[in-house]
Amino acid sequence: MTGQSLLDRMELLNAELQLQAGEENVTKGLLALNVAQDYFESLAALRGKVLGSSTGTVATASSTESTAFPAGLLRIDRLQVLDATTQRPIRELRPLRRAGGHAGSSYWPLYLFATNTAGMPWAYEATGGAIWWNPLPDTVYTVRWYGFSAASDITASGTFAYPDVVALPIASFATRLYKSGLDDDARDLDALAQSTFGTVLDTLSLFNRDGAVGLEYTQVHNA
């Protein structure tokens, strides 16, 4: 499916639009489609593992607390340190929930004896602008991320990035968005998006019905 297929759906929803190649509404139609896609992605990113097939890597730097957040990444599902030779995962990183949590702290008098250590990261804190590592990396490590990354902009000839079930909701939202610039109240768009995208997001988030996940014991406690 291409972007033109989405433009065709917009014409189906509003026969007054002229969205075939060379016609006058194509530029604004594509703009409306990309705004609709951005809105869809903002909703999809809120649901864990929905469309979470994107992967990529970032690299730490020696004695540097943080690494720039991957461009276009909207949701992190997991981070893993890769072996330098095999490029296969050797450690899963634990997310830290406190701001500044990558820098360990302790109370007096414990901090008097504390030492700053460096090594392979075992935890991280993601802020959206950067990924902060704990402990401080002592060399370059390659870290693989899994998650949901924003798609490229829709073009008439380009391939649509999402499953076909997403096409009609995006075209519907884009058509209403286009019309809102003429005479509709823009405040209605949020409710429209929730109703338009809600069923599709439910479908995409419930694709695996294999059964409940069993208990997993990962920590050892000494009495």
Protein backbone atom coordinates (compact mmCIF):
# COMPACT_ATOMS: atom_id res chain seq x y z
CA MET A 1 0.00 0.00 0.00
CA THR A 2 1.28 3.45 -0.92
CA GLY A 3 0.48 6.95 0.23
CA GLN A 4 -1.70 7.32 -2.84
CA SER A 5 -3.90 4.53 -1.46
CA LEU A 6 -4.51 6.73 1.59
CA LEU A 7 -5.28 9.72 -0.62
CA ASP A 8 -7.79 7.55 -2.49
CA ARG A 9 -9.50 6.73 0.80
CA MET A 10 -9.69 10.42 1.62
CA GLU A 11 -11.46 11.01 -1.68
CA LEU A 12 -13.87 8.20 -0.84
CA LEU A 13 -14.71 9.98 2.41
CA ASN A 14 -14.93 13.42 0.83
CA ALA A 15 -15.76 13.45 -2.89
CA GLU A 16 -14.89 17.14 -3.16
CA LEU A 17 -11.19 16.52 -2.58
CA GLN A 18 -8.89 16.33 -5.59
CA LEU A 19 -6.05 14.07 -4.53
CA GLN A 20 -4.89 12.34 -7.69
CA ALA A 21 -1.41 13.03 -9.11
CA GLY A 22 -1.11 16.63 -10.23
CA GLU A 23 -4.39 17.77 -8.68
CA GLU A 24 -4.63 20.82 -6.46
CA ASN A 25 -5.30 19.20 -3.05
CA VAL A 26 -2.43 16.68 -3.02
CA THR A 27 0.05 18.77 -1.00
CA LYS A 28 -2.43 19.59 1.75
CA GLY A 29 -3.79 16.05 1.67
CA LEU A 30 -0.33 14.62 2.36
CA LEU A 31 0.19 17.18 5.14
CA ALA A 32 -3.09 16.08 6.76
CA LEU A 33 -2.08 12.42 6.43
CA ASN A 34 1.27 13.04 8.13
CA VAL A 35 -0.36 14.94 10.98
CA ALA A 36 -2.78 12.03 11.37
CA GLN A 37 0.10 9.54 11.34
CA ASP A 38 1.95 11.56 13.99
CA TYR A 39 -1.17 11.54 16.18
CA PHE A 40 -1.62 7.80 15.70
CA GLU A 41 2.02 7.21 16.68
CA SER A 42 1.62 9.33 19.81
CA LEU A 43 -1.26 7.07 20.90
CA ALA A 44 0.45 3.83 19.90
CA ALA A 45 3.57 4.77 21.86
CA LEU A 46 1.52 4.79 25.07
CA ARG A 47 0.69 1.08 24.76
CA GLY A 48 3.48 -1.30 25.69
CA LYS A 49 4.82 -3.41 22.81
CA VAL A 50 2.27 -2.17 20.27
CA LEU A 51 4.19 -2.08 16.96
CA GLY A 52 7.35 -2.69 18.98
CA SER A 53 9.30 -4.31 16.16
CA SER A 54 11.86 -1.53 15.75
CA THR A 55 15.44 -2.16 16.85
CA GLY A 56 18.63 -0.20 16.72
CA THR A 57 21.80 0.46 18.68
CA VAL A 58 23.44 3.23 20.64
CA ALA A 59 27.02 3.34 21.90
CA THR A 60 28.35 4.44 25.24
CA ALA A 61 31.54 6.45 25.58
CA SER A 62 34.23 5.93 28.17
CA SER A 63 33.73 8.03 31.32
CA THR A 64 30.62 9.66 29.85
CA GLU A 65 27.39 9.54 31.85
CA SER A 66 24.93 9.61 28.98
CA THR A 67 24.27 8.91 25.31
CA ALA A 68 21.98 10.89 23.01
CA PHE A 69 18.47 9.46 22.77
CA PRO A 70 17.88 7.67 19.43
CA ALA A 71 16.19 9.94 16.90
CA GLY A 72 12.56 9.08 16.27
CA LEU A 73 12.33 6.52 19.08
CA LEU A 74 9.00 7.01 20.85
CA ARG A 75 9.04 4.08 23.28
CA ILE A 76 11.76 1.86 24.76
CA ASP A 77 10.67 -1.71 25.45
CA ARG A 78 14.09 -3.08 26.43
CA LEU A 79 17.84 -2.38 26.32
CA GLN A 80 20.54 -5.04 26.06
CA VAL A 81 24.34 -4.78 26.04
CA LEU A 82 25.86 -6.62 23.08
CA ASP A 83 29.04 -8.68 23.02
CA ALA A 84 31.73 -6.76 21.16
CA THR A 85 32.66 -9.79 19.04
CA THR A 86 29.42 -11.68 18.39
CA GLN A 87 27.06 -8.68 18.59
CA ARG A 88 24.64 -10.84 20.55
CA PRO A 89 23.03 -9.78 23.86
CA ILE A 90 25.00 -10.55 27.01
CA ARG A 91 23.20 -8.36 29.56
CA GLU A 92 19.75 -6.86 29.99
CA LEU A 93 19.66 -3.39 31.45
CA ARG A 94 17.29 -2.52 34.28
CA PRO A 95 15.31 0.73 33.97
CA LEU A 96 15.69 3.27 36.77
CA ARG A 97 12.56 5.23 37.68
CA ARG A 98 13.98 8.12 39.70
CA ALA A 99 15.30 11.29 38.07
CA GLY A 100 19.07 11.18 38.45
CA GLY A 101 18.84 7.58 39.60
CA HIS A 102 21.81 6.57 37.48
CA ALA A 103 24.08 8.25 40.05
CA GLY A 104 24.00 6.17 43.21
CA SER A 105 23.70 8.02 46.50
CA SER A 106 23.89 7.12 50.16
CA TYR A 107 23.43 8.78 53.55
CA TRP A 108 26.05 9.97 55.99
CA PRO A 109 28.33 8.40 57.05
CA LEU A 110 28.15 5.84 54.25
CA TYR A 111 28.95 8.39 51.56
CA LEU A 112 32.28 9.08 53.31
CA PHE A 113 33.45 5.61 52.24
CA ALA A 114 31.75 5.50 48.87
CA THR A 115 33.85 5.26 45.72
CA ASN A 116 32.82 5.98 42.17
CA THR A 117 33.10 2.83 40.11
CA ALA A 118 33.01 2.35 36.36
CA GLY A 119 32.25 -0.67 34.23
CA MET A 120 29.66 -2.28 31.98
CA PRO A 121 26.27 -0.64 32.55
CA TRP A 122 23.61 -2.73 34.27
CA ALA A 123 20.90 -0.05 34.53
CA TYR A 124 19.74 3.04 32.68
CA GLU A 125 17.51 6.08 32.99
CA ALA A 126 15.84 7.36 29.82
CA THR A 127 14.78 11.00 29.78
CA GLY A 128 13.74 11.41 26.14
CA GLY A 129 16.74 13.59 25.40
CA ALA A 130 19.39 11.19 26.65
CA ILE A 131 20.00 7.75 28.12
CA TRP A 132 21.93 7.84 31.40
CA TRP A 133 24.04 4.83 32.41
CA ASN A 134 24.78 3.14 35.73
CA PRO A 135 27.57 2.51 36.44
CA LEU A 136 29.65 5.00 34.48
CA PRO A 137 30.86 3.20 31.32
CA ASP A 138 34.57 2.42 31.42
CA THR A 139 34.81 1.90 27.64
CA VAL A 140 32.63 1.79 24.54
CA TYR A 141 29.67 -0.61 24.79
CA THR A 142 27.11 -1.24 22.09
CA VAL A 143 23.56 -1.30 23.44
CA ARG A 144 20.63 -2.62 21.41
CA TRP A 145 17.22 -1.03 21.92
CA TYR A 146 13.85 -2.58 21.21
CA GLY A 147 10.78 -0.41 20.93
CA PHE A 148 8.52 1.72 18.78
CA SER A 149 10.07 4.21 16.39
CA ALA A 150 8.24 6.81 14.31
CA ALA A 151 7.81 6.01 10.62
CA SER A 152 8.99 8.19 7.76
CA ASP A 153 6.62 10.80 6.39
CA ILE A 154 3.92 9.60 4.03
CA THR A 155 4.48 10.39 0.33
CA ALA A 156 2.20 9.62 -2.58
CA SER A 157 4.58 7.05 -4.07
CA GLY A 158 6.12 5.76 -0.84
CA THR A 159 5.10 2.58 0.95
CA PHE A 160 2.77 3.04 3.92
CA ALA A 161 4.61 1.89 7.05
CA TYR A 162 1.70 0.34 8.97
CA PRO A 163 -0.72 -2.58 8.51
CA ASP A 164 -3.68 -2.09 6.19
CA VAL A 165 -6.09 -1.90 9.13
CA VAL A 166 -4.51 1.43 10.07
CA ALA A 167 -5.11 3.01 6.65
CA LEU A 168 -8.80 3.88 6.94
CA PRO A 169 -8.57 5.39 10.45
CA ILE A 170 -5.64 7.58 9.39
CA ALA A 171 -7.41 8.60 6.18
CA SER A 172 -10.60 9.36 8.16
CA PHE A 173 -8.74 11.49 10.67
CA ALA A 174 -6.82 13.27 7.90
CA THR A 175 -10.04 14.00 6.00
CA ARG A 176 -11.65 15.53 9.08
CA LEU A 177 -8.46 17.43 9.85
CA TYR A 178 -8.41 18.83 6.31
CA LYS A 179 -12.02 19.94 6.65
CA SER A 180 -11.44 21.50 10.07
CA GLY A 181 -9.37 24.18 8.41
CA LEU A 182 -12.52 25.27 6.61
CA ASP A 183 -15.46 25.11 9.00
CA ASP A 184 -15.17 22.45 11.73
CA ASP A 185 -14.35 23.00 15.38
CA ALA A 186 -10.81 21.69 15.96
CA ARG A 187 -11.78 20.68 19.51
CA ASP A 188 -13.69 17.74 18.05
CA LEU A 189 -10.54 16.21 16.58
CA ASP A 190 -9.28 14.67 19.81
CA ALA A 191 -12.54 12.81 20.38
CA LEU A 192 -12.52 11.74 16.74
CA ALA A 193 -8.98 10.39 17.03
CA GLN A 194 -9.79 8.43 20.16
CA SER A 195 -12.82 6.80 18.55
CA THR A 196 -11.12 6.28 15.17
CA PHE A 197 -7.85 4.80 16.42
CA GLY A 198 -9.12 3.03 19.55
CA THR A 199 -10.32 -0.19 17.92
CA VAL A 200 -7.23 -0.45 15.71
CA LEU A 201 -4.90 -0.03 18.69
CA ASP A 202 -6.82 -2.69 20.60
CA THR A 203 -6.39 -5.05 17.65
CA LEU A 204 -2.66 -4.38 17.37
CA SER A 205 -2.09 -4.78 21.12
CA LEU A 206 -3.94 -8.09 21.44
CA PHE A 207 -2.36 -10.04 18.59
CA ASN A 208 -0.78 -12.62 20.93
CA ARG A 209 -3.33 -14.82 22.71
CA ASP A 210 -0.89 -17.62 23.52
CA GLY A 211 -1.72 -17.68 27.24
CA ALA A 212 -0.56 -16.15 30.49
CA VAL A 213 3.13 -15.71 31.18
CA GLY A 214 4.47 -18.00 33.88
CA LEU A 215 6.31 -16.88 36.99
CA GLU A 216 9.95 -16.00 36.47
CA TYR A 217 12.44 -15.99 39.36
CA THR A 218 15.46 -13.81 38.70
CA GLN A 219 16.70 -12.85 42.19
CA VAL A 220 18.34 -14.86 44.96
CA HIS A 221 17.60 -13.91 48.59
CA ASN A 222 19.66 -15.05 51.56
CA ALA A 223 17.77 -15.39 54.81
